[in-house]
Amino acid sequence: MSSTTLPVLSLVETRVLGVLAEKQRTVPDSYPLTLNSLVSGCNQKNSRNPVLELTESQVQAAVDSLRGYSLVAETSGGRAFRYEHNVDRVLRIPSQSVILLTVLMLRGPQTAGELRIACDRMHNFADISSVEGFLDELAERPAGALVVKLPRLPGARESRWAHLLSGPPPEESMRPAGVSSDSGQASHDVSLGEVAALKANVARLEAEVASLKALLGRVCSELGISEAG
């Protein structure tokens, strides 16, 4: 694959690629991975967003596709084929950048601070500015950006980053949950904490109204009068 031509990968393909890159560093004794180990890694419940339930055939199809792009290589040894990634060699990026991409592929959009913590088992970044430095390099890569900085969410202190291996991130990832694309600017100016507080107040008021209605009903019944009167 040309260094200037990057395929648009599917969610399954980025999950497979992310798992191979993660396990290379977290369980080196088991790497390269067998297909069975790769499926288990793809379907992990922890450190995965979204959580997937992939079949062996789905993972094998993704592996075959990635092999066509030279992003994955197959090795033989023992009783089963094993698979390893070639992300650093194909994309020509340093190992620190591969690790950042790995977390973004496995966990979805993250802030630089979240990335530093999530990468700890694979690489110990000295500080957040170090993470941001590698992210900036990935975003300004001459052969094509591999990450993008998302608009800051209302009330958030840091912007999140997303990978571009599957093309531009979906619009939903650029706004807080519950805010539709046709909402006015006023909706975006309200923080998530304020929305939660408003919802709590509404629920409390509704409960008080229901309690008052019940009390009024009992009083009217005892006095033998109609509530409407």
Protein backbone atom coordinates (compact mmCIF):
# COMPACT_ATOMS: atom_id res chain seq x y z
CA MET A 1 0.00 0.00 0.00
CA SER A 2 1.33 3.42 -0.88
CA SER A 3 2.28 5.63 2.03
CA THR A 4 -0.03 8.32 0.58
CA THR A 5 -3.02 6.02 0.14
CA LEU A 6 -4.87 5.05 3.28
CA PRO A 7 -7.88 2.72 3.06
CA VAL A 8 -11.06 3.53 4.98
CA LEU A 9 -11.29 0.74 7.54
CA SER A 10 -14.45 -0.73 9.02
CA LEU A 11 -15.17 -0.89 12.75
CA VAL A 12 -14.26 -4.59 12.77
CA GLU A 13 -10.98 -3.92 10.97
CA THR A 14 -9.96 -1.15 13.38
CA ARG A 15 -10.89 -3.41 16.31
CA VAL A 16 -8.69 -6.21 14.96
CA LEU A 17 -5.82 -3.84 14.28
CA GLY A 18 -6.15 -2.25 17.70
CA VAL A 19 -6.19 -5.59 19.49
CA LEU A 20 -3.05 -6.79 17.68
CA ALA A 21 -1.20 -3.57 18.54
CA GLU A 22 -2.38 -3.71 22.17
CA LYS A 23 -1.53 -7.36 22.78
CA GLN A 24 1.93 -6.96 21.23
CA ARG A 25 2.80 -4.82 24.24
CA THR A 26 0.58 -6.17 27.02
CA VAL A 27 1.04 -9.92 26.43
CA PRO A 28 4.25 -10.21 24.37
CA ASP A 29 4.68 -13.90 25.24
CA SER A 30 1.41 -14.71 23.41
CA TYR A 31 2.16 -12.51 20.40
CA PRO A 32 1.64 -12.93 17.42
CA LEU A 33 -1.97 -13.93 18.18
CA THR A 34 -3.91 -16.98 17.10
CA LEU A 35 -7.35 -16.36 15.57
CA ASN A 36 -9.00 -17.58 18.76
CA SER A 37 -7.01 -15.15 20.92
CA LEU A 38 -7.74 -12.34 18.47
CA VAL A 39 -11.50 -12.99 18.66
CA SER A 40 -11.34 -12.97 22.46
CA GLY A 41 -9.46 -9.67 22.42
CA CYS A 42 -11.98 -8.11 20.04
CA ASN A 43 -14.90 -9.15 22.27
CA GLN A 44 -13.41 -7.99 25.58
CA LYS A 45 -15.89 -6.21 27.84
CA ASN A 46 -13.29 -3.95 29.47
CA SER A 47 -11.29 -1.22 27.73
CA ARG A 48 -13.51 -1.44 24.65
CA ASN A 49 -15.97 1.09 23.22
CA PRO A 50 -18.17 -0.05 21.72
CA VAL A 51 -18.31 -3.58 23.17
CA LEU A 52 -18.66 -6.03 20.28
CA GLU A 53 -19.72 -9.66 19.85
CA LEU A 54 -17.80 -10.70 16.75
CA THR A 55 -17.78 -14.19 15.30
CA GLU A 56 -14.67 -16.03 14.21
CA SER A 57 -15.67 -15.62 10.56
CA GLN A 58 -16.09 -11.85 10.96
CA VAL A 59 -12.65 -11.50 12.53
CA GLN A 60 -11.08 -13.75 9.88
CA ALA A 61 -12.64 -11.65 7.10
CA ALA A 62 -11.24 -8.48 8.68
CA VAL A 63 -7.81 -10.10 9.02
CA ASP A 64 -7.85 -11.10 5.34
CA SER A 65 -8.82 -7.57 4.33
CA LEU A 66 -6.07 -6.02 6.47
CA ARG A 67 -3.54 -8.45 5.01
CA GLY A 68 -4.49 -7.06 1.59
CA TYR A 69 -3.42 -3.62 2.82
CA SER A 70 -0.24 -5.11 4.39
CA LEU A 71 -1.44 -3.82 7.78
CA VAL A 72 -1.53 -7.40 9.12
CA ALA A 73 0.83 -10.29 8.42
CA GLU A 74 0.23 -14.02 8.87
CA THR A 75 2.89 -16.26 10.38
CA SER A 76 2.85 -20.01 10.69
CA GLY A 77 4.14 -21.91 13.65
CA GLY A 78 2.86 -24.66 15.85
CA ARG A 79 -0.64 -25.92 15.10
CA ALA A 80 -2.30 -22.61 14.20
CA PHE A 81 -1.68 -19.54 12.10
CA ARG A 82 -0.78 -16.41 14.02
CA TYR A 83 -1.24 -12.75 13.15
CA GLU A 84 0.73 -9.58 13.77
CA HIS A 85 0.26 -5.94 12.78
CA ASN A 86 2.45 -3.76 10.56
CA VAL A 87 0.96 -0.38 11.50
CA ASP A 88 4.24 1.35 12.30
CA ARG A 89 5.96 0.15 9.12
CA VAL A 90 3.05 0.80 6.74
CA LEU A 91 2.07 4.20 8.14
CA ARG A 92 5.67 5.14 8.97
CA ILE A 93 4.95 6.47 12.42
CA PRO A 94 6.82 5.98 15.73
CA SER A 95 5.73 3.43 18.31
CA GLN A 96 4.32 6.13 20.61
CA SER A 97 1.96 7.23 17.84
CA VAL A 98 0.92 3.63 17.19
CA ILE A 99 0.02 3.28 20.88
CA LEU A 100 -2.13 6.43 20.79
CA LEU A 101 -3.92 5.17 17.67
CA THR A 102 -4.39 1.81 19.38
CA VAL A 103 -6.28 3.33 22.30
CA LEU A 104 -8.39 5.50 20.00
CA MET A 105 -9.30 2.44 17.90
CA LEU A 106 -10.24 0.40 20.96
CA ARG A 107 -11.90 3.01 23.17
CA GLY A 108 -13.20 5.74 20.88
CA PRO A 109 -12.59 9.50 21.27
CA GLN A 110 -10.41 10.45 24.25
CA THR A 111 -8.84 13.56 25.71
CA ALA A 112 -5.06 13.80 25.92
CA GLY A 113 -5.29 13.21 29.67
CA GLU A 114 -7.45 10.11 29.20
CA LEU A 115 -5.06 8.82 26.54
CA ARG A 116 -2.06 9.19 28.83
CA ILE A 117 -3.76 7.06 31.49
CA ALA A 118 -5.12 4.48 29.01
CA CYS A 119 -1.70 4.07 27.36
CA ASP A 120 0.13 3.45 30.63
CA ARG A 121 0.40 -0.36 30.20
CA MET A 122 1.92 0.09 26.74
CA HIS A 123 3.97 3.27 27.15
CA ASN A 124 4.55 5.75 29.97
CA PHE A 125 4.18 9.23 28.51
CA ALA A 126 6.05 11.75 30.64
CA ASP A 127 3.17 14.25 30.71
CA ILE A 128 0.08 15.39 28.82
CA SER A 129 2.10 17.79 26.66
CA SER A 130 4.08 14.79 25.40
CA VAL A 131 0.83 13.08 24.38
CA GLU A 132 -0.36 16.26 22.67
CA GLY A 133 2.92 16.52 20.78
CA PHE A 134 2.48 13.09 19.19
CA LEU A 135 -1.21 13.79 18.52
CA ASP A 136 -0.29 17.02 16.74
CA GLU A 137 2.21 15.11 14.60
CA LEU A 138 -0.47 12.57 13.68
CA ALA A 139 -2.90 15.37 12.83
CA GLU A 140 -0.33 17.16 10.66
CA ARG A 141 1.13 14.06 9.00
CA PRO A 142 2.22 15.01 5.44
CA ALA A 143 0.89 11.75 3.97
CA GLY A 144 -2.54 12.40 5.52
CA ALA A 145 -3.90 13.11 8.97
CA LEU A 146 -4.49 10.04 11.16
CA VAL A 147 -6.27 11.82 14.04
CA VAL A 148 -8.49 14.87 14.44
CA LYS A 149 -9.19 17.14 17.40
CA LEU A 150 -12.94 17.25 18.02
CA PRO A 151 -14.86 20.39 19.04
CA ARG A 152 -14.89 20.78 22.81
CA LEU A 153 -18.11 19.59 24.42
CA PRO A 154 -20.11 22.09 26.49
CA GLY A 155 -18.72 22.18 30.02
CA ALA A 156 -15.65 20.11 29.10
CA ARG A 157 -12.17 21.29 30.07
CA GLU A 158 -10.34 19.39 27.31
CA SER A 159 -11.07 18.53 23.70
CA ARG A 160 -11.20 14.89 22.67
CA TRP A 161 -9.27 13.29 19.83
CA ALA A 162 -10.52 10.66 17.36
CA HIS A 163 -8.71 8.49 14.83
CA LEU A 164 -9.34 8.87 11.08
CA LEU A 165 -8.63 5.30 10.01
CA SER A 166 -12.37 4.82 9.41
CA GLY A 167 -12.80 8.22 7.78
CA PRO A 168 -14.22 11.34 9.47
CA PRO A 169 -15.76 10.56 12.89
CA PRO A 170 -19.58 10.39 12.97
CA GLU A 171 -21.33 13.64 13.80
CA GLU A 172 -22.72 12.08 16.99
CA SER A 173 -19.22 11.90 18.47
CA MET A 174 -18.81 15.67 18.08
CA ARG A 175 -21.72 16.64 20.34
CA PRO A 176 -23.02 15.55 23.74
CA ALA A 177 -25.57 12.79 23.96
CA GLY A 178 -29.15 13.98 23.72
CA VAL A 179 -28.40 17.06 21.60
CA SER A 180 -29.77 16.71 18.08
CA SER A 181 -28.06 18.12 15.01
CA ASP A 182 -30.83 20.70 14.48
CA SER A 183 -30.74 22.04 18.05
CA GLY A 184 -30.21 25.79 18.43
CA GLN A 185 -27.07 27.37 19.76
CA ALA A 186 -28.74 27.84 23.15
CA SER A 187 -28.79 24.07 23.59
CA HIS A 188 -25.04 23.92 23.10
CA ASP A 189 -24.45 26.64 25.66
CA VAL A 190 -25.99 24.52 28.44
CA SER A 191 -23.53 22.21 30.16
CA LEU A 192 -24.29 18.56 30.74
CA GLY A 193 -24.29 19.18 34.48
CA GLU A 194 -26.91 21.89 34.11
CA VAL A 195 -29.09 19.61 32.00
CA ALA A 196 -28.88 16.88 34.64
CA ALA A 197 -29.77 19.38 37.37
CA LEU A 198 -32.78 20.62 35.41
CA LYS A 199 -34.00 17.07 34.87
CA ALA A 200 -33.66 16.34 38.58
CA ASN A 201 -35.63 19.49 39.46
CA VAL A 202 -38.41 18.58 37.02
CA ALA A 203 -38.65 15.07 38.47
CA ARG A 204 -38.78 16.50 42.02
CA LEU A 205 -41.52 19.00 41.09
CA GLU A 206 -43.55 16.31 39.34
CA ALA A 207 -43.37 14.15 42.47
CA GLU A 208 -44.48 17.08 44.66
CA VAL A 209 -47.43 17.84 42.36
CA ALA A 210 -48.50 14.20 42.42
CA SER A 211 -48.29 14.19 46.24
CA LEU A 212 -50.36 17.39 46.50
CA LYS A 213 -52.97 16.00 44.13
CA ALA A 214 -53.30 12.89 46.27
CA LEU A 215 -53.61 14.99 49.44
CA LEU A 216 -56.26 17.21 47.83
CA GLY A 217 -58.18 14.15 46.75
CA ARG A 218 -58.24 12.77 50.28
CA VAL A 219 -59.36 16.11 51.77
CA CYS A 220 -62.13 16.52 49.21
CA SER A 221 -63.28 12.98 49.83
CA GLU A 222 -63.46 13.52 53.59
CA LEU A 223 -65.39 16.78 53.15
CA GLY A 224 -67.66 15.24 50.58
CA ILE A 225 -66.93 17.81 47.92
CA SER A 226 -65.81 17.50 44.31
CA GLU A 227 -62.17 18.30 43.48
CA ALA A 228 -63.34 20.39 40.55
CA GLY A 229 -65.40 22.59 42.87
